[in-house]
């Protein structure tokens, strides 16, 4: 748990959930939601929660990696990328579960340094912390 909240936001979903609408209170995010064809929906224009989660996680993780690198006084190349894949499927008990994979590219960074940055970023990233114990995520260097 955070010791002090320095920022918060909120969003409201309307309609059918996965086939509705969602927006933040300030209007910065305002999206139509659509169920992907792979999940029995119509697909088409709109996004789904897994896309939003993958996008947010990738950005947050890259920021956390850069924060960790700054603490270690290591330069992170401008062309560094974080790719997050989010899958969804049924659980054995009831409901659905997520599968998350993180791939990090740190061009020109020595392998041992890159692996330390990846592990450190994973340790300080709030998304990684929030999912620890519920998802098995091991970021990898590509």
N, C-alpha and C. Protein backbone atom coordinates (compact mmCIF):
# COMPACT_ATOMS: atom_id res chain seq x y z
N UNK A 1 0.85 -1.18 0.00
CA UNK A 1 0.00 0.00 0.00
C UNK A 1 0.89 1.24 0.00
N UNK A 2 0.47 2.27 -0.70
CA UNK A 2 1.25 3.51 -0.69
C UNK A 2 1.22 4.15 0.69
N UNK A 3 2.29 4.85 1.01
CA UNK A 3 2.32 5.58 2.27
C UNK A 3 1.67 6.94 2.13
N UNK A 4 1.56 7.41 0.88
CA UNK A 4 0.94 8.70 0.62
C UNK A 4 0.43 8.70 -0.83
N UNK A 5 -0.82 9.05 -1.04
CA UNK A 5 -1.37 9.14 -2.39
C UNK A 5 -0.97 10.48 -2.98
N UNK A 6 -0.22 10.45 -4.10
CA UNK A 6 0.21 11.71 -4.73
C UNK A 6 -0.61 12.04 -5.97
N UNK A 7 -1.37 11.07 -6.47
CA UNK A 7 -2.25 11.30 -7.61
C UNK A 7 -3.32 10.23 -7.61
N UNK A 8 -4.52 10.60 -7.97
CA UNK A 8 -5.56 9.60 -8.19
C UNK A 8 -6.46 10.09 -9.31
N UNK A 9 -7.15 9.17 -9.92
CA UNK A 9 -8.11 9.47 -10.98
C UNK A 9 -9.25 8.49 -10.83
N UNK A 10 -10.31 8.72 -11.56
CA UNK A 10 -11.37 7.73 -11.57
C UNK A 10 -12.01 7.68 -12.94
N UNK A 11 -12.63 6.56 -13.21
CA UNK A 11 -13.29 6.33 -14.49
C UNK A 11 -14.64 5.69 -14.23
N UNK A 12 -15.54 5.91 -15.16
CA UNK A 12 -16.87 5.33 -15.06
C UNK A 12 -17.17 4.55 -16.33
N UNK A 13 -17.66 3.32 -16.15
CA UNK A 13 -18.09 2.50 -17.27
C UNK A 13 -19.61 2.49 -17.31
N UNK A 14 -20.16 2.54 -18.51
CA UNK A 14 -21.61 2.48 -18.70
C UNK A 14 -21.91 1.46 -19.80
N UNK A 15 -23.17 1.15 -19.95
CA UNK A 15 -23.57 0.19 -20.97
C UNK A 15 -23.44 -1.23 -20.45
N UNK A 16 -22.94 -2.11 -21.31
CA UNK A 16 -22.85 -3.52 -20.95
C UNK A 16 -21.51 -3.94 -20.39
N UNK A 17 -20.67 -3.00 -20.01
CA UNK A 17 -19.34 -3.35 -19.52
C UNK A 17 -18.37 -3.47 -20.67
N UNK A 18 -18.13 -4.67 -21.12
CA UNK A 18 -17.20 -4.90 -22.24
C UNK A 18 -17.76 -4.40 -23.57
N UNK A 19 -19.02 -4.13 -23.62
CA UNK A 19 -19.62 -3.59 -24.85
C UNK A 19 -20.35 -2.29 -24.54
N UNK A 20 -19.64 -1.40 -23.89
CA UNK A 20 -20.24 -0.14 -23.48
C UNK A 20 -19.32 1.03 -23.74
N UNK A 21 -19.16 1.84 -22.73
CA UNK A 21 -18.38 3.06 -22.84
C UNK A 21 -17.66 3.27 -21.50
N UNK A 22 -16.47 3.85 -21.57
CA UNK A 22 -15.74 4.15 -20.35
C UNK A 22 -14.99 5.46 -20.54
N UNK A 23 -14.98 6.27 -19.49
CA UNK A 23 -14.26 7.54 -19.58
C UNK A 23 -13.77 7.95 -18.19
N UNK A 24 -12.68 8.72 -18.20
CA UNK A 24 -12.18 9.27 -16.95
C UNK A 24 -12.97 10.54 -16.63
N UNK A 25 -12.95 10.90 -15.36
CA UNK A 25 -13.72 12.05 -14.91
C UNK A 25 -13.30 13.34 -15.61
N UNK A 26 -12.03 13.43 -16.01
CA UNK A 26 -11.55 14.66 -16.66
C UNK A 26 -11.67 14.63 -18.18
N UNK A 27 -12.17 13.50 -18.74
CA UNK A 27 -12.35 13.38 -20.19
C UNK A 27 -11.08 13.06 -20.96
N UNK A 28 -9.95 12.89 -20.27
CA UNK A 28 -8.70 12.59 -20.97
C UNK A 28 -8.76 11.24 -21.69
N UNK A 29 -9.47 10.28 -21.09
CA UNK A 29 -9.70 8.99 -21.73
C UNK A 29 -11.20 8.85 -21.91
N UNK A 30 -11.61 8.58 -23.13
CA UNK A 30 -13.03 8.50 -23.46
C UNK A 30 -13.15 7.48 -24.58
N UNK A 31 -13.50 6.24 -24.23
CA UNK A 31 -13.44 5.17 -25.20
C UNK A 31 -14.74 4.38 -25.29
N UNK A 32 -15.03 3.93 -26.49
CA UNK A 32 -16.09 2.96 -26.72
C UNK A 32 -15.47 1.58 -26.56
N UNK A 33 -16.18 0.71 -25.88
CA UNK A 33 -15.69 -0.64 -25.63
C UNK A 33 -16.41 -1.64 -26.52
N UNK A 34 -15.66 -2.62 -27.00
CA UNK A 34 -16.24 -3.64 -27.85
C UNK A 34 -15.61 -4.99 -27.50
N UNK A 35 -16.43 -6.03 -27.49
CA UNK A 35 -15.96 -7.38 -27.22
C UNK A 35 -15.26 -7.90 -28.48
N UNK A 36 -14.02 -8.41 -28.35
CA UNK A 36 -13.32 -8.95 -29.52
C UNK A 36 -14.04 -10.16 -30.11
N UNK A 37 -13.88 -10.36 -31.40
CA UNK A 37 -14.49 -11.53 -32.06
C UNK A 37 -14.05 -12.83 -31.39
N UNK A 38 -12.79 -12.88 -30.93
CA UNK A 38 -12.27 -14.09 -30.30
C UNK A 38 -13.02 -14.45 -29.02
N UNK A 39 -13.72 -13.47 -28.46
CA UNK A 39 -14.49 -13.72 -27.24
C UNK A 39 -15.99 -13.77 -27.52
N UNK A 40 -16.34 -13.89 -28.79
CA UNK A 40 -17.74 -14.01 -29.17
C UNK A 40 -18.43 -12.69 -29.44
N UNK A 41 -17.68 -11.61 -29.47
CA UNK A 41 -18.26 -10.30 -29.73
C UNK A 41 -18.17 -9.91 -31.20
N UNK A 42 -18.63 -8.70 -31.50
CA UNK A 42 -18.63 -8.25 -32.89
C UNK A 42 -17.26 -7.73 -33.36
N UNK A 43 -16.36 -7.44 -32.42
CA UNK A 43 -15.09 -6.81 -32.82
C UNK A 43 -15.38 -5.44 -33.39
N UNK A 44 -14.47 -4.92 -34.16
CA UNK A 44 -14.69 -3.63 -34.81
C UNK A 44 -14.12 -2.48 -34.03
N UNK A 45 -14.68 -1.30 -34.30
CA UNK A 45 -14.18 -0.08 -33.67
C UNK A 45 -14.43 -0.10 -32.17
N UNK A 46 -13.43 0.27 -31.45
CA UNK A 46 -13.51 0.29 -29.99
C UNK A 46 -12.34 -0.47 -29.41
N UNK A 47 -12.21 -0.40 -28.12
CA UNK A 47 -11.13 -1.07 -27.41
C UNK A 47 -11.72 -2.02 -26.39
N UNK A 48 -10.84 -2.81 -25.77
CA UNK A 48 -11.30 -3.71 -24.71
C UNK A 48 -10.41 -3.54 -23.49
N UNK A 49 -10.85 -4.01 -22.34
CA UNK A 49 -10.08 -3.82 -21.12
C UNK A 49 -8.65 -4.36 -21.18
N UNK A 50 -8.45 -5.45 -21.91
CA UNK A 50 -7.10 -6.01 -22.01
C UNK A 50 -6.17 -5.07 -22.77
N UNK A 51 -6.68 -4.41 -23.80
CA UNK A 51 -5.87 -3.43 -24.53
C UNK A 51 -5.51 -2.26 -23.63
N UNK A 52 -6.47 -1.80 -22.85
CA UNK A 52 -6.20 -0.69 -21.94
C UNK A 52 -5.20 -1.09 -20.86
N UNK A 53 -5.33 -2.30 -20.35
CA UNK A 53 -4.40 -2.79 -19.33
C UNK A 53 -2.99 -2.92 -19.91
N UNK A 54 -2.87 -3.50 -21.10
CA UNK A 54 -1.56 -3.66 -21.74
C UNK A 54 -0.90 -2.31 -22.00
N UNK A 55 -1.67 -1.36 -22.48
CA UNK A 55 -1.15 -0.02 -22.77
C UNK A 55 -0.67 0.67 -21.50
N UNK A 56 -1.49 0.62 -20.46
CA UNK A 56 -1.13 1.24 -19.19
C UNK A 56 0.07 0.58 -18.55
N UNK A 57 0.09 -0.75 -18.57
CA UNK A 57 1.19 -1.49 -17.95
C UNK A 57 2.50 -1.19 -18.68
N UNK A 58 2.48 -1.19 -20.02
CA UNK A 58 3.70 -0.92 -20.78
C UNK A 58 4.27 0.45 -20.44
N UNK A 59 3.42 1.45 -20.40
CA UNK A 59 3.87 2.81 -20.10
C UNK A 59 4.38 2.92 -18.66
N UNK A 60 3.66 2.32 -17.73
CA UNK A 60 4.05 2.37 -16.32
C UNK A 60 5.37 1.65 -16.10
N UNK A 61 5.51 0.48 -16.71
CA UNK A 61 6.73 -0.30 -16.55
C UNK A 61 7.94 0.44 -17.13
N UNK A 62 7.78 1.06 -18.29
CA UNK A 62 8.89 1.82 -18.88
C UNK A 62 9.28 2.98 -17.96
N UNK A 63 8.31 3.65 -17.39
CA UNK A 63 8.60 4.72 -16.45
C UNK A 63 9.30 4.21 -15.21
N UNK A 64 8.88 3.05 -14.71
CA UNK A 64 9.51 2.46 -13.53
C UNK A 64 10.94 2.03 -13.83
N UNK A 65 11.16 1.48 -15.02
CA UNK A 65 12.50 1.08 -15.42
C UNK A 65 13.41 2.31 -15.49
N UNK A 66 12.91 3.39 -16.07
CA UNK A 66 13.70 4.62 -16.15
C UNK A 66 13.97 5.20 -14.75
N UNK A 67 13.00 5.13 -13.87
CA UNK A 67 13.19 5.59 -12.49
C UNK A 67 14.29 4.77 -11.81
N UNK A 68 14.20 3.46 -11.93
CA UNK A 68 15.20 2.58 -11.31
C UNK A 68 16.59 2.86 -11.91
N UNK A 69 16.66 3.01 -13.22
CA UNK A 69 17.94 3.29 -13.88
C UNK A 69 18.54 4.60 -13.38
N UNK A 70 17.70 5.62 -13.19
CA UNK A 70 18.18 6.91 -12.69
C UNK A 70 18.76 6.75 -11.28
N UNK A 71 18.13 5.92 -10.45
CA UNK A 71 18.64 5.68 -9.11
C UNK A 71 20.03 5.02 -9.17
N UNK A 72 20.23 4.20 -10.19
CA UNK A 72 21.51 3.49 -10.36
C UNK A 72 22.50 4.30 -11.21
N UNK A 73 22.06 5.48 -11.67
CA UNK A 73 22.87 6.35 -12.52
C UNK A 73 23.27 5.67 -13.83
N UNK A 74 22.30 4.98 -14.43
CA UNK A 74 22.48 4.29 -15.70
C UNK A 74 21.60 4.98 -16.74
N UNK A 75 22.17 5.30 -17.89
CA UNK A 75 21.41 5.91 -18.97
C UNK A 75 20.58 4.85 -19.69
N UNK A 76 19.32 5.18 -19.93
CA UNK A 76 18.43 4.31 -20.69
C UNK A 76 18.33 4.90 -22.10
N UNK A 77 18.62 4.11 -23.13
CA UNK A 77 18.54 4.63 -24.50
C UNK A 77 17.14 5.14 -24.84
N UNK A 78 17.10 6.18 -25.68
CA UNK A 78 15.82 6.75 -26.10
C UNK A 78 14.94 5.74 -26.84
N UNK A 79 15.57 4.77 -27.51
CA UNK A 79 14.80 3.81 -28.30
C UNK A 79 14.45 2.53 -27.52
N UNK A 80 14.52 2.62 -26.19
CA UNK A 80 14.10 1.51 -25.34
C UNK A 80 12.60 1.30 -25.51
N UNK A 81 12.18 0.03 -25.56
CA UNK A 81 10.75 -0.27 -25.67
C UNK A 81 10.35 -1.33 -24.65
N UNK A 82 9.10 -1.23 -24.24
CA UNK A 82 8.48 -2.25 -23.40
C UNK A 82 7.22 -2.71 -24.11
N UNK A 83 7.14 -4.01 -24.36
CA UNK A 83 5.99 -4.60 -25.02
C UNK A 83 5.27 -5.49 -24.02
N UNK A 84 4.00 -5.20 -23.76
CA UNK A 84 3.21 -6.01 -22.83
C UNK A 84 2.10 -6.69 -23.60
N UNK A 85 2.03 -8.01 -23.46
CA UNK A 85 0.97 -8.80 -24.06
C UNK A 85 0.05 -9.26 -22.94
N UNK A 86 -1.24 -9.01 -23.10
CA UNK A 86 -2.24 -9.43 -22.11
C UNK A 86 -3.21 -10.40 -22.78
N UNK A 87 -3.29 -11.59 -22.23
CA UNK A 87 -4.24 -12.58 -22.70
C UNK A 87 -5.29 -12.81 -21.63
N UNK A 88 -6.46 -13.28 -22.06
CA UNK A 88 -7.54 -13.58 -21.13
C UNK A 88 -8.15 -14.93 -21.49
N UNK A 89 -8.54 -15.67 -20.48
CA UNK A 89 -9.19 -16.95 -20.72
C UNK A 89 -9.84 -17.45 -19.45
N UNK A 90 -10.61 -18.52 -19.58
CA UNK A 90 -11.31 -19.05 -18.41
C UNK A 90 -10.35 -19.66 -17.39
N UNK A 91 -10.72 -19.52 -16.12
CA UNK A 91 -9.98 -20.15 -15.02
C UNK A 91 -10.59 -21.52 -14.76
N UNK A 92 -9.87 -22.36 -14.02
CA UNK A 92 -10.40 -23.68 -13.68
C UNK A 92 -11.59 -23.59 -12.74
N UNK A 93 -11.57 -22.58 -11.84
CA UNK A 93 -12.68 -22.46 -10.90
C UNK A 93 -13.85 -21.73 -11.54
N UNK A 94 -13.93 -20.44 -11.39
CA UNK A 94 -15.03 -19.68 -11.96
C UNK A 94 -14.49 -18.35 -12.44
N UNK A 95 -14.92 -17.93 -13.56
CA UNK A 95 -14.51 -16.62 -14.05
C UNK A 95 -13.37 -16.71 -15.04
N UNK A 96 -12.66 -15.60 -15.17
CA UNK A 96 -11.60 -15.48 -16.16
C UNK A 96 -10.31 -15.03 -15.49
N UNK A 97 -9.21 -15.34 -16.13
CA UNK A 97 -7.90 -14.94 -15.63
C UNK A 97 -7.08 -14.30 -16.72
N UNK A 98 -6.07 -13.57 -16.31
CA UNK A 98 -5.18 -12.90 -17.25
C UNK A 98 -3.83 -13.60 -17.31
N UNK A 99 -3.20 -13.49 -18.46
CA UNK A 99 -1.84 -13.95 -18.68
C UNK A 99 -1.08 -12.74 -19.22
N UNK A 100 0.00 -12.37 -18.55
CA UNK A 100 0.74 -11.16 -18.93
C UNK A 100 2.19 -11.52 -19.22
N UNK A 101 2.68 -11.03 -20.35
CA UNK A 101 4.08 -11.21 -20.73
C UNK A 101 4.67 -9.83 -21.01
N UNK A 102 5.90 -9.61 -20.53
CA UNK A 102 6.59 -8.33 -20.73
C UNK A 102 7.92 -8.61 -21.44
N UNK A 103 8.13 -7.90 -22.55
CA UNK A 103 9.39 -7.99 -23.28
C UNK A 103 10.00 -6.60 -23.35
N UNK A 104 11.27 -6.51 -23.00
CA UNK A 104 11.95 -5.22 -22.93
C UNK A 104 13.14 -5.22 -23.88
N UNK A 105 13.24 -4.17 -24.67
CA UNK A 105 14.39 -3.97 -25.56
C UNK A 105 15.18 -2.77 -25.05
N UNK A 106 16.44 -3.00 -24.75
CA UNK A 106 17.35 -1.95 -24.28
C UNK A 106 18.57 -1.95 -25.22
N UNK A 107 18.42 -1.39 -26.42
CA UNK A 107 19.49 -1.44 -27.41
C UNK A 107 20.79 -0.83 -26.90
N UNK A 108 21.89 -1.58 -27.11
CA UNK A 108 23.20 -1.07 -26.75
C UNK A 108 23.56 -1.18 -25.29
N UNK A 109 22.67 -1.71 -24.45
CA UNK A 109 22.96 -1.85 -23.03
C UNK A 109 23.50 -3.26 -22.78
N UNK A 110 24.61 -3.33 -22.06
CA UNK A 110 25.22 -4.62 -21.73
C UNK A 110 24.17 -5.53 -21.07
N UNK A 111 24.20 -6.81 -21.43
CA UNK A 111 23.18 -7.76 -21.00
C UNK A 111 22.99 -7.78 -19.48
N UNK A 112 24.05 -7.84 -18.71
CA UNK A 112 23.91 -7.92 -17.25
C UNK A 112 23.29 -6.64 -16.69
N UNK A 113 23.64 -5.49 -17.27
CA UNK A 113 23.06 -4.21 -16.84
C UNK A 113 21.59 -4.17 -17.22
N UNK A 114 21.28 -4.59 -18.45
CA UNK A 114 19.89 -4.60 -18.91
C UNK A 114 19.03 -5.50 -18.03
N UNK A 115 19.54 -6.67 -17.69
CA UNK A 115 18.77 -7.59 -16.84
C UNK A 115 18.53 -7.01 -15.46
N UNK A 116 19.51 -6.28 -14.93
CA UNK A 116 19.32 -5.62 -13.63
C UNK A 116 18.25 -4.53 -13.74
N UNK A 117 18.29 -3.75 -14.82
CA UNK A 117 17.29 -2.70 -15.01
C UNK A 117 15.89 -3.30 -15.14
N UNK A 118 15.79 -4.40 -15.87
CA UNK A 118 14.49 -5.05 -16.05
C UNK A 118 13.95 -5.57 -14.72
N UNK A 119 14.79 -6.21 -13.95
CA UNK A 119 14.36 -6.71 -12.63
C UNK A 119 14.01 -5.55 -11.70
N UNK A 120 14.83 -4.50 -11.71
CA UNK A 120 14.56 -3.34 -10.85
C UNK A 120 13.29 -2.62 -11.24
N UNK A 121 13.06 -2.48 -12.55
CA UNK A 121 11.83 -1.86 -13.02
C UNK A 121 10.61 -2.65 -12.59
N UNK A 122 10.72 -3.97 -12.65
CA UNK A 122 9.61 -4.85 -12.26
C UNK A 122 9.33 -4.71 -10.76
N UNK A 123 10.39 -4.52 -9.99
CA UNK A 123 10.23 -4.40 -8.53
C UNK A 123 9.53 -3.09 -8.14
N UNK A 124 9.83 -1.99 -8.85
CA UNK A 124 9.26 -0.70 -8.45
C UNK A 124 7.98 -0.33 -9.20
N UNK A 125 7.64 -1.06 -10.27
CA UNK A 125 6.44 -0.73 -11.05
C UNK A 125 5.17 -1.03 -10.26
N UNK A 126 4.27 -0.04 -10.12
CA UNK A 126 3.03 -0.27 -9.38
C UNK A 126 2.14 -1.35 -9.99
N UNK A 127 2.14 -1.48 -11.33
CA UNK A 127 1.34 -2.54 -11.96
C UNK A 127 1.91 -3.91 -11.57
N UNK A 128 3.24 -4.05 -11.61
CA UNK A 128 3.87 -5.31 -11.23
C UNK A 128 3.58 -5.62 -9.77
N UNK A 129 3.66 -4.61 -8.93
CA UNK A 129 3.38 -4.82 -7.51
C UNK A 129 1.93 -5.23 -7.30
N UNK A 130 1.02 -4.59 -8.00
CA UNK A 130 -0.41 -4.88 -7.83
C UNK A 130 -0.76 -6.29 -8.29
N UNK A 131 -0.02 -6.83 -9.24
CA UNK A 131 -0.34 -8.16 -9.77
C UNK A 131 0.50 -9.27 -9.14
N UNK A 132 1.47 -8.91 -8.28
CA UNK A 132 2.31 -9.95 -7.68
C UNK A 132 1.45 -10.84 -6.78
N UNK A 133 1.69 -12.12 -6.88
CA UNK A 133 0.91 -13.07 -6.10
C UNK A 133 -0.33 -13.56 -6.83
N UNK A 134 -0.75 -12.85 -7.87
CA UNK A 134 -1.92 -13.29 -8.63
C UNK A 134 -1.57 -13.65 -10.07
N UNK A 135 -0.50 -13.06 -10.59
CA UNK A 135 -0.04 -13.37 -11.95
C UNK A 135 1.45 -13.71 -11.89
N UNK A 136 1.85 -14.67 -12.69
CA UNK A 136 3.26 -15.05 -12.77
C UNK A 136 3.87 -14.31 -13.96
N UNK A 137 4.53 -13.20 -13.66
CA UNK A 137 5.10 -12.34 -14.70
C UNK A 137 6.61 -12.29 -14.53
N UNK A 138 7.34 -12.67 -15.56
CA UNK A 138 8.80 -12.57 -15.56
C UNK A 138 9.21 -11.79 -16.81
N UNK A 139 9.48 -10.50 -16.65
CA UNK A 139 9.88 -9.69 -17.80
C UNK A 139 11.15 -10.27 -18.43
N UNK A 140 11.23 -10.20 -19.76
CA UNK A 140 12.41 -10.75 -20.43
C UNK A 140 13.04 -9.72 -21.35
N UNK A 141 14.35 -9.86 -21.50
CA UNK A 141 15.13 -9.02 -22.39
C UNK A 141 15.05 -9.60 -23.79
N UNK A 142 14.74 -8.75 -24.75
CA UNK A 142 14.71 -9.19 -26.16
C UNK A 142 15.73 -8.44 -26.98
